[in-house]
Every structure is written in C-alpha cells, then in structure tokens.
Amino acid sequence: MIRPGDMYLLDKHDRHTLRPKTLFRAICVFNPPVTGREDHDADGAYPAPKTLAEA
C-alpha cells in the first residue's frame, strides 16, 4: 500500500497499475530530465544529451 511520503520507483519498463481508493496525488520525476527530444536507444532507454545545447 502506498502511503503519504512513500516513494514509488520503477525501472526496466516495470509493468504497473495504480488504482487509488481515495484522493491520490503523484509527482513524476525523470532522470535525466525530459527535454522533448528523447529517442529510445537499443535498450529502450532515453540516453542523456551529450551537451546542454542538445537539451
């Protein structure tokens, strides 16, 4: 059960479904940050930009 203050982490394309039974607020964080120019690499990950200019 996820409670206030818990951290819910996913990696490796984990399949997941959240079905809240009460009011639920979540915050998504991507590392590296999403820039809008993401392309999946061969592993399905988003490689970090090589320079800040690419972000």
PDB file of N, CA and C in Angstrom:
ATOM      1  N   MET A   1       0.843  -1.172   0.000  1.00  0.00           N
ATOM      2  CA  MET A   1       0.000   0.000   0.000  1.00  0.00           C
ATOM      3  C   MET A   1       0.891   1.239   0.000  1.00  0.00           C
ATOM      4  N   ILE A   2       0.605   2.169  -0.871  1.00  0.00           N
ATOM      5  CA  ILE A   2       1.348   3.425  -0.933  1.00  0.00           C
ATOM      6  C   ILE A   2       0.690   4.412   0.018  1.00  0.00           C
ATOM      7  N   ARG A   3       1.512   5.031   0.856  1.00  0.00           N
ATOM      8  CA  ARG A   3       1.028   5.999   1.850  1.00  0.00           C
ATOM      9  C   ARG A   3       1.729   7.336   1.647  1.00  0.00           C
ATOM     10  N   PRO A   4       1.202   8.436   2.200  1.00  0.00           N
ATOM     11  CA  PRO A   4       1.870   9.733   2.085  1.00  0.00           C
ATOM     12  C   PRO A   4       3.333   9.628   2.516  1.00  0.00           C
ATOM     13  N   GLY A   5       4.213  10.195   1.687  1.00  0.00           N
ATOM     14  CA  GLY A   5       5.640  10.174   1.967  1.00  0.00           C
ATOM     15  C   GLY A   5       6.373   9.004   1.344  1.00  0.00           C
ATOM     16  N   ASP A   6       5.646   8.015   0.821  1.00  0.00           N
ATOM     17  CA  ASP A   6       6.287   6.867   0.182  1.00  0.00           C
ATOM     18  C   ASP A   6       6.847   7.262  -1.172  1.00  0.00           C
ATOM     19  N   MET A   7       7.870   6.555  -1.617  1.00  0.00           N
ATOM     20  CA  MET A   7       8.448   6.739  -2.936  1.00  0.00           C
ATOM     21  C   MET A   7       8.157   5.474  -3.743  1.00  0.00           C
ATOM     22  N   TYR A   8       7.604   5.627  -4.918  1.00  0.00           N
ATOM     23  CA  TYR A   8       7.232   4.513  -5.795  1.00  0.00           C
ATOM     24  C   TYR A   8       8.165   4.570  -6.995  1.00  0.00           C
ATOM     25  N   LEU A   9       9.096   3.643  -7.090  1.00  0.00           N
ATOM     26  CA  LEU A   9      10.133   3.678  -8.118  1.00  0.00           C
ATOM     27  C   LEU A   9       9.934   2.581  -9.145  1.00  0.00           C
ATOM     28  N   LEU A  10      10.161   2.930 -10.398  1.00  0.00           N
ATOM     29  CA  LEU A  10      10.066   1.963 -11.486  1.00  0.00           C
ATOM     30  C   LEU A  10      11.343   2.032 -12.310  1.00  0.00           C
ATOM     31  N   ASP A  11      11.769   0.886 -12.809  1.00  0.00           N
ATOM     32  CA  ASP A  11      12.863   0.840 -13.776  1.00  0.00           C
ATOM     33  C   ASP A  11      12.672  -0.397 -14.635  1.00  0.00           C
ATOM     34  N   LYS A  12      13.463  -0.522 -15.648  1.00  0.00           N
ATOM     35  CA  LYS A  12      13.417  -1.706 -16.525  1.00  0.00           C
ATOM     36  C   LYS A  12      12.025  -1.957 -17.099  1.00  0.00           C
ATOM     37  N   HIS A  13      11.299  -0.886 -17.407  1.00  0.00           N
ATOM     38  CA  HIS A  13       9.971  -0.994 -18.024  1.00  0.00           C
ATOM     39  C   HIS A  13       9.003  -1.819 -17.173  1.00  0.00           C
ATOM     40  N   ASP A  14       9.079  -1.649 -15.848  1.00  0.00           N
ATOM     41  CA  ASP A  14       8.191  -2.376 -14.938  1.00  0.00           C
ATOM     42  C   ASP A  14       6.736  -2.116 -15.312  1.00  0.00           C
ATOM     43  N   ARG A  15       5.952  -3.167 -15.450  1.00  0.00           N
ATOM     44  CA  ARG A  15       4.515  -3.011 -15.667  1.00  0.00           C
ATOM     45  C   ARG A  15       3.885  -2.645 -14.338  1.00  0.00           C
ATOM     46  N   HIS A  16       2.968  -1.706 -14.364  1.00  0.00           N
ATOM     47  CA  HIS A  16       2.349  -1.280 -13.111  1.00  0.00           C
ATOM     48  C   HIS A  16       0.973  -0.689 -13.374  1.00  0.00           C
ATOM     49  N   THR A  17       0.120  -0.805 -12.384  1.00  0.00           N
ATOM     50  CA  THR A  17      -1.205  -0.209 -12.399  1.00  0.00           C
ATOM     51  C   THR A  17      -1.490   0.310 -11.000  1.00  0.00           C
ATOM     52  N   LEU A  18      -1.870   1.557 -10.894  1.00  0.00           N
ATOM     53  CA  LEU A  18      -2.271   2.136  -9.615  1.00  0.00           C
ATOM     54  C   LEU A  18      -3.773   2.354  -9.652  1.00  0.00           C
ATOM     55  N   ARG A  19      -4.455   1.873  -8.624  1.00  0.00           N
ATOM     56  CA  ARG A  19      -5.897   2.059  -8.518  1.00  0.00           C
ATOM     57  C   ARG A  19      -6.207   2.675  -7.159  1.00  0.00           C
ATOM     58  N   PRO A  20      -6.120   3.994  -7.057  1.00  0.00           N
ATOM     59  CA  PRO A  20      -6.373   4.636  -5.761  1.00  0.00           C
ATOM     60  C   PRO A  20      -7.826   4.475  -5.328  1.00  0.00           C
ATOM     61  N   LYS A  21      -7.999   4.299  -4.042  1.00  0.00           N
ATOM     62  CA  LYS A  21      -9.343   4.193  -3.464  1.00  0.00           C
ATOM     63  C   LYS A  21      -9.762   5.492  -2.791  1.00  0.00           C
ATOM     64  N   THR A  22      -8.825   6.430  -2.699  1.00  0.00           N
ATOM     65  CA  THR A  22      -9.084   7.760  -2.151  1.00  0.00           C
ATOM     66  C   THR A  22      -8.391   8.781  -3.042  1.00  0.00           C
ATOM     67  N   LEU A  23      -8.525  10.060  -2.735  1.00  0.00           N
ATOM     68  CA  LEU A  23      -7.844  11.117  -3.483  1.00  0.00           C
ATOM     69  C   LEU A  23      -6.355  10.812  -3.513  1.00  0.00           C
ATOM     70  N   PHE A  24      -5.742  10.900  -4.674  1.00  0.00           N
ATOM     71  CA  PHE A  24      -4.356  10.494  -4.858  1.00  0.00           C
ATOM     72  C   PHE A  24      -3.625  11.547  -5.667  1.00  0.00           C
ATOM     73  N   ARG A  25      -2.449  11.949  -5.210  1.00  0.00           N
ATOM     74  CA  ARG A  25      -1.620  12.899  -5.959  1.00  0.00           C
ATOM     75  C   ARG A  25      -0.235  12.295  -6.101  1.00  0.00           C
ATOM     76  N   ALA A  26       0.276  12.299  -7.320  1.00  0.00           N
ATOM     77  CA  ALA A  26       1.597  11.743  -7.591  1.00  0.00           C
ATOM     78  C   ALA A  26       2.438  12.775  -8.326  1.00  0.00           C
ATOM     79  N   ILE A  27       3.731  12.696  -8.133  1.00  0.00           N
ATOM     80  CA  ILE A  27       4.683  13.560  -8.823  1.00  0.00           C
ATOM     81  C   ILE A  27       5.634  12.649  -9.585  1.00  0.00           C
ATOM     82  N   CYS A  28       5.811  12.897 -10.874  1.00  0.00           N
ATOM     83  CA  CYS A  28       6.727  12.106 -11.695  1.00  0.00           C
ATOM     84  C   CYS A  28       8.036  12.864 -11.874  1.00  0.00           C
ATOM     85  N   VAL A  29       9.124  12.151 -11.713  1.00  0.00           N
ATOM     86  CA  VAL A  29      10.450  12.729 -11.886  1.00  0.00           C
ATOM     87  C   VAL A  29      11.235  11.830 -12.834  1.00  0.00           C
ATOM     88  N   PHE A  30      11.852  12.430 -13.824  1.00  0.00           N
ATOM     89  CA  PHE A  30      12.667  11.687 -14.776  1.00  0.00           C
ATOM     90  C   PHE A  30      14.118  12.095 -14.604  1.00  0.00           C
ATOM     91  N   ASN A  31      15.011  11.113 -14.611  1.00  0.00           N
ATOM     92  CA  ASN A  31      16.435  11.398 -14.514  1.00  0.00           C
ATOM     93  C   ASN A  31      17.144  10.551 -15.561  1.00  0.00           C
ATOM     94  N   PRO A  32      17.704  11.140 -16.607  1.00  0.00           N
ATOM     95  CA  PRO A  32      17.855  12.570 -16.808  1.00  0.00           C
ATOM     96  C   PRO A  32      16.509  13.228 -17.124  1.00  0.00           C
ATOM     97  N   PRO A  33      16.412  14.534 -16.900  1.00  0.00           N
ATOM     98  CA  PRO A  33      15.148  15.241 -17.135  1.00  0.00           C
ATOM     99  C   PRO A  33      14.671  15.105 -18.583  1.00  0.00           C
ATOM    100  N   VAL A  34      13.374  15.105 -18.768  1.00  0.00           N
ATOM    101  CA  VAL A  34      12.776  15.033 -20.097  1.00  0.00           C
ATOM    102  C   VAL A  34      12.955  16.386 -20.782  1.00  0.00           C
ATOM    103  N   THR A  35      13.408  16.347 -22.039  1.00  0.00           N
ATOM    104  CA  THR A  35      13.646  17.585 -22.782  1.00  0.00           C
ATOM    105  C   THR A  35      12.712  17.743 -23.968  1.00  0.00           C
ATOM    106  N   GLY A  36      12.007  16.674 -24.345  1.00  0.00           N
ATOM    107  CA  GLY A  36      11.154  16.721 -25.521  1.00  0.00           C
ATOM    108  C   GLY A  36      11.840  16.190 -26.763  1.00  0.00           C
ATOM    109  N   ARG A  37      13.132  15.886 -26.655  1.00  0.00           N
ATOM    110  CA  ARG A  37      13.874  15.374 -27.807  1.00  0.00           C
ATOM    111  C   ARG A  37      14.339  13.938 -27.556  1.00  0.00           C
ATOM    112  N   GLU A  38      13.624  13.200 -26.718  1.00  0.00           N
ATOM    113  CA  GLU A  38      14.037  11.850 -26.352  1.00  0.00           C
ATOM    114  C   GLU A  38      13.748  10.855 -27.475  1.00  0.00           C
ATOM    115  N   ASP A  39      14.697   9.995 -27.732  1.00  0.00           N
ATOM    116  CA  ASP A  39      14.546   8.863 -28.639  1.00  0.00           C
ATOM    117  C   ASP A  39      15.055   7.639 -27.897  1.00  0.00           C
ATOM    118  N   HIS A  40      14.300   6.547 -27.940  1.00  0.00           N
ATOM    119  CA  HIS A  40      14.736   5.316 -27.286  1.00  0.00           C
ATOM    120  C   HIS A  40      16.014   4.800 -27.935  1.00  0.00           C
ATOM    121  N   ASP A  41      16.948   4.314 -27.101  1.00  0.00           N
ATOM    122  CA  ASP A  41      18.114   3.631 -27.656  1.00  0.00           C
ATOM    123  C   ASP A  41      17.788   2.152 -27.823  1.00  0.00           C
ATOM    124  N   ALA A  42      18.762   1.339 -28.171  1.00  0.00           N
ATOM    125  CA  ALA A  42      18.534  -0.082 -28.428  1.00  0.00           C
ATOM    126  C   ALA A  42      17.987  -0.817 -27.209  1.00  0.00           C
ATOM    127  N   ASP A  43      18.291  -0.319 -26.006  1.00  0.00           N
ATOM    128  CA  ASP A  43      17.797  -0.937 -24.779  1.00  0.00           C
ATOM    129  C   ASP A  43      16.426  -0.407 -24.365  1.00  0.00           C
ATOM    130  N   GLY A  44      15.900   0.568 -25.098  1.00  0.00           N
ATOM    131  CA  GLY A  44      14.614   1.149 -24.755  1.00  0.00           C
ATOM    132  C   GLY A  44      14.710   2.308 -23.784  1.00  0.00           C
ATOM    133  N   ALA A  45      15.944   2.726 -23.457  1.00  0.00           N
ATOM    134  CA  ALA A  45      16.154   3.834 -22.516  1.00  0.00           C
ATOM    135  C   ALA A  45      16.312   5.142 -23.283  1.00  0.00           C
ATOM    136  N   TYR A  46      16.248   6.235 -22.561  1.00  0.00           N
ATOM    137  CA  TYR A  46      16.499   7.553 -23.130  1.00  0.00           C
ATOM    138  C   TYR A  46      17.913   7.967 -22.745  1.00  0.00           C
ATOM    139  N   PRO A  47      18.867   7.972 -23.672  1.00  0.00           N
ATOM    140  CA  PRO A  47      20.211   8.416 -23.322  1.00  0.00           C
ATOM    141  C   PRO A  47      20.227   9.911 -23.001  1.00  0.00           C
ATOM    142  N   ALA A  48      21.104  10.299 -22.099  1.00  0.00           N
ATOM    143  CA  ALA A  48      21.243  11.713 -21.739  1.00  0.00           C
ATOM    144  C   ALA A  48      21.816  12.485 -22.915  1.00  0.00           C
ATOM    145  N   PRO A  49      21.436  13.761 -23.084  1.00  0.00           N
ATOM    146  CA  PRO A  49      22.034  14.569 -24.150  1.00  0.00           C
ATOM    147  C   PRO A  49      23.538  14.713 -23.905  1.00  0.00           C
ATOM    148  N   LYS A  50      24.282  14.798 -24.997  1.00  0.00           N
ATOM    149  CA  LYS A  50      25.739  14.924 -24.885  1.00  0.00           C
ATOM    150  C   LYS A  50      26.140  16.308 -24.399  1.00  0.00           C
ATOM    151  N   THR A  51      25.356  17.340 -24.749  1.00  0.00           N
ATOM    152  CA  THR A  51      25.648  18.698 -24.315  1.00  0.00           C
ATOM    153  C   THR A  51      24.344  19.379 -23.900  1.00  0.00           C
ATOM    154  N   LEU A  52      24.466  20.474 -23.179  1.00  0.00           N
ATOM    155  CA  LEU A  52      23.275  21.234 -22.792  1.00  0.00           C
ATOM    156  C   LEU A  52      22.559  21.800 -24.003  1.00  0.00           C
ATOM    157  N   ALA A  53      23.293  22.082 -25.070  1.00  0.00           N
ATOM    158  CA  ALA A  53      22.695  22.632 -26.290  1.00  0.00           C
ATOM    159  C   ALA A  53      21.718  21.647 -26.911  1.00  0.00           C
ATOM    160  N   GLU A  54      21.918  20.352 -26.690  1.00  0.00           N
ATOM    161  CA  GLU A  54      21.012  19.346 -27.245  1.00  0.00           C
ATOM    162  C   GLU A  54      19.741  19.211 -26.433  1.00  0.00           C
ATOM    163  N   ALA A  55      19.726  19.718 -25.222  1.00  0.00           N
ATOM    164  CA  ALA A  55      18.572  19.553 -24.312  1.00  0.00           C
ATOM    165  C   ALA A  55      17.388  20.353 -24.771  1.00  0.00           C
TER     166      ALA A  55
END
